[in-house]
């Protein structure tokens, strides 16, 4: 494959991480490894290797590489949130209620999940909490189930990761279910017959 004019002018001593970082910096939104590989005219595995190097170098810096559902973007480090808010003169972040945090935790660990399933786990109606989480962009609709009524499926967003200082969902702390074993078991999601009503 012939190299493009832009890549022909790249200095020979410039590592792949440098142009890769530049593309991530100027990207108008999240991008995929495939898009980056095509733009740089290299194999996706080479891009992945360079991304790993970038992630390691960012660990002690003010930016992070965020991965969400196969897409990547540069974000500010979570430790700098207060400073960034102050510098940009942003309003203080609205605090989430305990109910909203509970819903968010359920979605984060069980995604994709439906509204009736969230209600079943919590034992109460979650309408207002789900609306609040959608408004703040922490969860999003990702499809519908095939069951009766075709309830909406919810999952977390890249904003959720950024808000909690995570680079990817795999960084969520593991659930400690030991203390739950002593309590009553969680309720089952509503049956299909209940969903029809």
C-alpha atoms as a PDB file:
ATOM      1  CA  UNK A   1       0.000   0.000   0.000  1.00  0.00           C
ATOM      2  CA  UNK A   2       1.542   3.359  -0.994  1.00  0.00           C
ATOM      3  CA  UNK A   3       2.022   5.810   1.848  1.00  0.00           C
ATOM      4  CA  UNK A   4       0.004   9.028   1.807  1.00  0.00           C
ATOM      5  CA  UNK A   5       1.802  12.338   1.328  1.00  0.00           C
ATOM      6  CA  UNK A   6       1.186  13.262   4.976  1.00  0.00           C
ATOM      7  CA  UNK A   7       2.881  10.091   6.208  1.00  0.00           C
ATOM      8  CA  UNK A   8       5.783  10.458   3.771  1.00  0.00           C
ATOM      9  CA  UNK A   9       6.740  13.706   5.509  1.00  0.00           C
ATOM     10  CA  UNK A  10       6.792  12.115   8.988  1.00  0.00           C
ATOM     11  CA  UNK A  11      10.313  12.200  10.506  1.00  0.00           C
ATOM     12  CA  UNK A  12      11.880   8.749  10.583  1.00  0.00           C
ATOM     13  CA  UNK A  13      12.685   9.037  14.300  1.00  0.00           C
ATOM     14  CA  UNK A  14       9.091   9.858  15.306  1.00  0.00           C
ATOM     15  CA  UNK A  15       7.592   6.928  17.249  1.00  0.00           C
ATOM     16  CA  UNK A  16       4.069   5.731  16.485  1.00  0.00           C
ATOM     17  CA  UNK A  17       2.920   7.083  19.870  1.00  0.00           C
ATOM     18  CA  UNK A  18       3.454  10.702  18.755  1.00  0.00           C
ATOM     19  CA  UNK A  19       1.133  10.790  15.711  1.00  0.00           C
ATOM     20  CA  UNK A  20      -1.302   8.518  17.556  1.00  0.00           C
ATOM     21  CA  UNK A  21      -1.466  10.971  20.458  1.00  0.00           C
ATOM     22  CA  UNK A  22      -1.950  13.856  18.015  1.00  0.00           C
ATOM     23  CA  UNK A  23      -4.910  12.086  16.365  1.00  0.00           C
ATOM     24  CA  UNK A  24      -6.514  11.329  19.733  1.00  0.00           C
ATOM     25  CA  UNK A  25      -6.010  14.956  20.776  1.00  0.00           C
ATOM     26  CA  UNK A  26      -7.681  16.455  17.693  1.00  0.00           C
ATOM     27  CA  UNK A  27     -10.436  13.829  17.304  1.00  0.00           C
ATOM     28  CA  UNK A  28     -13.861  15.490  17.645  1.00  0.00           C
ATOM     29  CA  UNK A  29     -15.130  12.508  19.631  1.00  0.00           C
ATOM     30  CA  UNK A  30     -14.330   8.910  20.542  1.00  0.00           C
ATOM     31  CA  UNK A  31     -12.513   6.878  17.856  1.00  0.00           C
ATOM     32  CA  UNK A  32     -11.815   3.196  17.270  1.00  0.00           C
ATOM     33  CA  UNK A  33      -8.504   1.397  16.929  1.00  0.00           C
ATOM     34  CA  UNK A  34      -9.490   0.584  13.341  1.00  0.00           C
ATOM     35  CA  UNK A  35      -9.981   4.282  12.509  1.00  0.00           C
ATOM     36  CA  UNK A  36      -6.606   5.136  14.009  1.00  0.00           C
ATOM     37  CA  UNK A  37      -4.890   2.255  12.197  1.00  0.00           C
ATOM     38  CA  UNK A  38      -6.376   3.343   8.856  1.00  0.00           C
ATOM     39  CA  UNK A  39      -5.374   6.966   9.405  1.00  0.00           C
ATOM     40  CA  UNK A  40      -1.812   5.981  10.318  1.00  0.00           C
ATOM     41  CA  UNK A  41      -1.658   3.227   7.685  1.00  0.00           C
ATOM     42  CA  UNK A  42      -0.488   0.623  10.168  1.00  0.00           C
ATOM     43  CA  UNK A  43      -1.908  -2.640  11.523  1.00  0.00           C
ATOM     44  CA  UNK A  44      -4.396  -2.406  14.420  1.00  0.00           C
ATOM     45  CA  UNK A  45      -2.053  -4.514  16.605  1.00  0.00           C
ATOM     46  CA  UNK A  46       0.644  -1.831  16.209  1.00  0.00           C
ATOM     47  CA  UNK A  47      -1.851   0.810  17.319  1.00  0.00           C
ATOM     48  CA  UNK A  48      -2.762  -1.323  20.368  1.00  0.00           C
ATOM     49  CA  UNK A  49       0.929  -1.626  21.325  1.00  0.00           C
ATOM     50  CA  UNK A  50       1.393   2.141  21.020  1.00  0.00           C
ATOM     51  CA  UNK A  51      -1.804   2.760  23.023  1.00  0.00           C
ATOM     52  CA  UNK A  52      -0.454   0.590  25.840  1.00  0.00           C
ATOM     53  CA  UNK A  53       2.732   2.681  25.898  1.00  0.00           C
ATOM     54  CA  UNK A  54       0.674   5.885  25.956  1.00  0.00           C
ATOM     55  CA  UNK A  55      -1.528   4.590  28.795  1.00  0.00           C
ATOM     56  CA  UNK A  56       1.545   3.768  30.876  1.00  0.00           C
ATOM     57  CA  UNK A  57       3.063   7.197  30.244  1.00  0.00           C
ATOM     58  CA  UNK A  58      -0.213   8.924  31.178  1.00  0.00           C
ATOM     59  CA  UNK A  59      -0.368   7.204  34.586  1.00  0.00           C
ATOM     60  CA  UNK A  60       1.632  10.042  36.202  1.00  0.00           C
ATOM     61  CA  UNK A  61       0.324  12.847  34.003  1.00  0.00           C
ATOM     62  CA  UNK A  62      -2.764  15.038  33.779  1.00  0.00           C
ATOM     63  CA  UNK A  63      -4.529  13.114  31.010  1.00  0.00           C
ATOM     64  CA  UNK A  64      -5.855   9.595  30.628  1.00  0.00           C
ATOM     65  CA  UNK A  65      -6.828   7.340  27.735  1.00  0.00           C
ATOM     66  CA  UNK A  66     -10.422   6.273  28.208  1.00  0.00           C
ATOM     67  CA  UNK A  67     -11.758   3.075  26.619  1.00  0.00           C
ATOM     68  CA  UNK A  68     -15.495   2.475  26.354  1.00  0.00           C
ATOM     69  CA  UNK A  69     -17.277  -0.042  24.131  1.00  0.00           C
ATOM     70  CA  UNK A  70     -14.337  -0.274  21.725  1.00  0.00           C
ATOM     71  CA  UNK A  71     -13.881   3.493  21.447  1.00  0.00           C
ATOM     72  CA  UNK A  72     -11.061   5.679  22.756  1.00  0.00           C
ATOM     73  CA  UNK A  73     -10.665   9.290  23.760  1.00  0.00           C
ATOM     74  CA  UNK A  74      -8.348  11.477  25.799  1.00  0.00           C
ATOM     75  CA  UNK A  75      -9.744  12.841  29.057  1.00  0.00           C
ATOM     76  CA  UNK A  76      -8.374  14.805  31.982  1.00  0.00           C
ATOM     77  CA  UNK A  77      -7.140  12.773  34.949  1.00  0.00           C
ATOM     78  CA  UNK A  78      -9.814  12.414  37.651  1.00  0.00           C
ATOM     79  CA  UNK A  79      -7.419  13.818  40.261  1.00  0.00           C
ATOM     80  CA  UNK A  80      -7.447  17.141  38.404  1.00  0.00           C
ATOM     81  CA  UNK A  81     -11.256  17.509  38.332  1.00  0.00           C
ATOM     82  CA  UNK A  82     -11.468  20.267  40.959  1.00  0.00           C
ATOM     83  CA  UNK A  83      -8.651  22.252  39.357  1.00  0.00           C
ATOM     84  CA  UNK A  84     -10.158  21.912  35.868  1.00  0.00           C
ATOM     85  CA  UNK A  85     -13.613  22.949  37.152  1.00  0.00           C
ATOM     86  CA  UNK A  86     -12.127  26.008  38.838  1.00  0.00           C
ATOM     87  CA  UNK A  87      -9.996  26.948  35.814  1.00  0.00           C
ATOM     88  CA  UNK A  88     -12.944  26.665  33.426  1.00  0.00           C
ATOM     89  CA  UNK A  89     -15.250  28.388  35.926  1.00  0.00           C
ATOM     90  CA  UNK A  90     -17.697  25.497  35.810  1.00  0.00           C
ATOM     91  CA  UNK A  91     -20.587  25.039  38.203  1.00  0.00           C
ATOM     92  CA  UNK A  92     -20.056  22.563  41.000  1.00  0.00           C
ATOM     93  CA  UNK A  93     -21.152  19.103  39.984  1.00  0.00           C
ATOM     94  CA  UNK A  94     -24.634  18.209  41.166  1.00  0.00           C
ATOM     95  CA  UNK A  95     -24.521  15.547  43.839  1.00  0.00           C
ATOM     96  CA  UNK A  96     -26.451  12.376  43.167  1.00  0.00           C
ATOM     97  CA  UNK A  97     -28.928  11.084  45.734  1.00  0.00           C
ATOM     98  CA  UNK A  98     -28.353   7.728  47.421  1.00  0.00           C
ATOM     99  CA  UNK A  99     -31.192   6.282  45.335  1.00  0.00           C
ATOM    100  CA  UNK A 100     -29.570   7.486  42.093  1.00  0.00           C
ATOM    101  CA  UNK A 101     -26.180   6.120  43.175  1.00  0.00           C
ATOM    102  CA  UNK A 102     -27.819   2.803  43.997  1.00  0.00           C
ATOM    103  CA  UNK A 103     -29.405   2.657  40.520  1.00  0.00           C
ATOM    104  CA  UNK A 104     -26.126   3.647  38.911  1.00  0.00           C
ATOM    105  CA  UNK A 105     -24.261   0.868  40.740  1.00  0.00           C
ATOM    106  CA  UNK A 106     -26.857  -1.684  39.619  1.00  0.00           C
ATOM    107  CA  UNK A 107     -26.542  -0.552  36.003  1.00  0.00           C
ATOM    108  CA  UNK A 108     -22.728  -0.475  36.173  1.00  0.00           C
ATOM    109  CA  UNK A 109     -22.434  -4.044  37.440  1.00  0.00           C
ATOM    110  CA  UNK A 110     -25.375  -5.639  35.607  1.00  0.00           C
ATOM    111  CA  UNK A 111     -25.416  -3.831  32.257  1.00  0.00           C
ATOM    112  CA  UNK A 112     -27.242  -4.018  30.012  1.00  0.00           C
ATOM    113  CA  UNK A 113     -30.253  -4.048  32.341  1.00  0.00           C
ATOM    114  CA  UNK A 114     -33.912  -3.059  32.097  1.00  0.00           C
ATOM    115  CA  UNK A 115     -35.934  -0.693  34.276  1.00  0.00           C
ATOM    116  CA  UNK A 116     -38.047  -3.580  35.721  1.00  0.00           C
ATOM    117  CA  UNK A 117     -34.855  -5.465  36.626  1.00  0.00           C
ATOM    118  CA  UNK A 118     -33.453  -2.395  38.414  1.00  0.00           C
ATOM    119  CA  UNK A 119     -36.760  -2.021  40.294  1.00  0.00           C
ATOM    120  CA  UNK A 120     -36.670  -5.719  41.241  1.00  0.00           C
ATOM    121  CA  UNK A 121     -33.167  -5.425  42.716  1.00  0.00           C
ATOM    122  CA  UNK A 122     -34.001  -2.223  44.618  1.00  0.00           C
ATOM    123  CA  UNK A 123     -37.502  -3.247  45.643  1.00  0.00           C
ATOM    124  CA  UNK A 124     -38.864   0.227  44.796  1.00  0.00           C
ATOM    125  CA  UNK A 125     -39.739   2.264  41.721  1.00  0.00           C
ATOM    126  CA  UNK A 126     -36.659   3.849  40.124  1.00  0.00           C
ATOM    127  CA  UNK A 127     -38.288   6.234  37.612  1.00  0.00           C
ATOM    128  CA  UNK A 128     -36.882   9.476  38.998  1.00  0.00           C
ATOM    129  CA  UNK A 129     -33.400   8.047  39.577  1.00  0.00           C
ATOM    130  CA  UNK A 130     -33.188   6.675  36.045  1.00  0.00           C
ATOM    131  CA  UNK A 131     -34.377  10.010  34.616  1.00  0.00           C
ATOM    132  CA  UNK A 132     -31.734  11.846  36.661  1.00  0.00           C
ATOM    133  CA  UNK A 133     -28.962   9.494  35.506  1.00  0.00           C
ATOM    134  CA  UNK A 134     -30.077   9.891  31.876  1.00  0.00           C
ATOM    135  CA  UNK A 135     -30.167  13.692  32.248  1.00  0.00           C
ATOM    136  CA  UNK A 136     -26.622  13.730  33.631  1.00  0.00           C
ATOM    137  CA  UNK A 137     -25.438  11.440  30.827  1.00  0.00           C
ATOM    138  CA  UNK A 138     -24.226   8.734  33.227  1.00  0.00           C
ATOM    139  CA  UNK A 139     -26.409   6.032  31.652  1.00  0.00           C
ATOM    140  CA  UNK A 140     -27.917   5.651  28.199  1.00  0.00           C
ATOM    141  CA  UNK A 141     -30.432   3.539  26.323  1.00  0.00           C
ATOM    142  CA  UNK A 142     -28.603   0.800  24.402  1.00  0.00           C
ATOM    143  CA  UNK A 143     -31.470  -1.179  22.910  1.00  0.00           C
ATOM    144  CA  UNK A 144     -34.528  -3.201  23.856  1.00  0.00           C
ATOM    145  CA  UNK A 145     -35.085  -6.772  25.000  1.00  0.00           C
ATOM    146  CA  UNK A 146     -36.982  -9.248  22.861  1.00  0.00           C
ATOM    147  CA  UNK A 147     -39.429 -10.011  25.702  1.00  0.00           C
ATOM    148  CA  UNK A 148     -43.005  -8.778  26.090  1.00  0.00           C
ATOM    149  CA  UNK A 149     -43.266  -5.009  26.093  1.00  0.00           C
ATOM    150  CA  UNK A 150     -39.681  -4.825  24.783  1.00  0.00           C
ATOM    151  CA  UNK A 151     -38.302  -2.944  27.818  1.00  0.00           C
ATOM    152  CA  UNK A 152     -35.400  -0.555  27.247  1.00  0.00           C
ATOM    153  CA  UNK A 153     -31.903  -1.729  28.147  1.00  0.00           C
ATOM    154  CA  UNK A 154     -29.619   0.697  30.001  1.00  0.00           C
ATOM    155  CA  UNK A 155     -25.825   0.818  30.224  1.00  0.00           C
ATOM    156  CA  UNK A 156     -23.220   3.275  31.474  1.00  0.00           C
ATOM    157  CA  UNK A 157     -21.622   5.949  29.277  1.00  0.00           C
ATOM    158  CA  UNK A 158     -18.100   7.326  28.797  1.00  0.00           C
ATOM    159  CA  UNK A 159     -19.182  10.205  31.077  1.00  0.00           C
ATOM    160  CA  UNK A 160     -19.778   7.636  33.830  1.00  0.00           C
ATOM    161  CA  UNK A 161     -16.193   6.437  33.454  1.00  0.00           C
ATOM    162  CA  UNK A 162     -14.859   9.985  33.481  1.00  0.00           C
ATOM    163  CA  UNK A 163     -16.974  10.995  36.483  1.00  0.00           C
ATOM    164  CA  UNK A 164     -15.631   8.098  38.550  1.00  0.00           C
ATOM    165  CA  UNK A 165     -12.056   8.301  37.282  1.00  0.00           C
ATOM    166  CA  UNK A 166     -12.081   5.018  35.369  1.00  0.00           C
ATOM    167  CA  UNK A 167     -10.391   4.321  32.044  1.00  0.00           C
ATOM    168  CA  UNK A 168     -12.524   1.244  31.322  1.00  0.00           C
ATOM    169  CA  UNK A 169     -15.336  -0.758  32.942  1.00  0.00           C
ATOM    170  CA  UNK A 170     -12.913  -3.496  33.964  1.00  0.00           C
ATOM    171  CA  UNK A 171     -11.475  -1.050  36.531  1.00  0.00           C
ATOM    172  CA  UNK A 172     -14.695  -1.141  38.581  1.00  0.00           C
ATOM    173  CA  UNK A 173     -13.892  -2.578  42.017  1.00  0.00           C
ATOM    174  CA  UNK A 174     -14.997  -6.187  42.423  1.00  0.00           C
ATOM    175  CA  UNK A 175     -18.283  -6.733  44.216  1.00  0.00           C
ATOM    176  CA  UNK A 176     -17.878  -7.970  47.789  1.00  0.00           C
ATOM    177  CA  UNK A 177     -20.795 -10.343  48.120  1.00  0.00           C
ATOM    178  CA  UNK A 178     -19.659 -11.983  51.382  1.00  0.00           C
ATOM    179  CA  UNK A 179     -21.787  -9.704  53.572  1.00  0.00           C
ATOM    180  CA  UNK A 180     -24.803 -10.244  51.293  1.00  0.00           C
ATOM    181  CA  UNK A 181     -24.682 -14.016  51.825  1.00  0.00           C
ATOM    182  CA  UNK A 182     -25.944 -13.456  55.381  1.00  0.00           C
ATOM    183  CA  UNK A 183     -28.889 -11.386  54.138  1.00  0.00           C
ATOM    184  CA  UNK A 184     -31.965 -12.424  52.203  1.00  0.00           C
ATOM    185  CA  UNK A 185     -31.270 -13.215  48.540  1.00  0.00           C
ATOM    186  CA  UNK A 186     -31.905 -10.484  45.950  1.00  0.00           C
ATOM    187  CA  UNK A 187     -35.330 -10.656  44.287  1.00  0.00           C
ATOM    188  CA  UNK A 188     -35.575 -12.178  40.844  1.00  0.00           C
ATOM    189  CA  UNK A 189     -36.376  -9.833  37.930  1.00  0.00           C
ATOM    190  CA  UNK A 190     -40.116  -9.675  37.170  1.00  0.00           C
ATOM    191  CA  UNK A 191     -41.481 -12.580  35.164  1.00  0.00           C
ATOM    192  CA  UNK A 192     -42.578 -12.072  31.576  1.00  0.00           C
ATOM    193  CA  UNK A 193     -46.221 -12.102  32.703  1.00  0.00           C
ATOM    194  CA  UNK A 194     -45.620  -9.184  35.065  1.00  0.00           C
ATOM    195  CA  UNK A 195     -43.866  -7.250  32.295  1.00  0.00           C
ATOM    196  CA  UNK A 196     -46.985  -7.474  30.109  1.00  0.00           C
ATOM    197  CA  UNK A 197     -49.007  -5.293  32.475  1.00  0.00           C
END
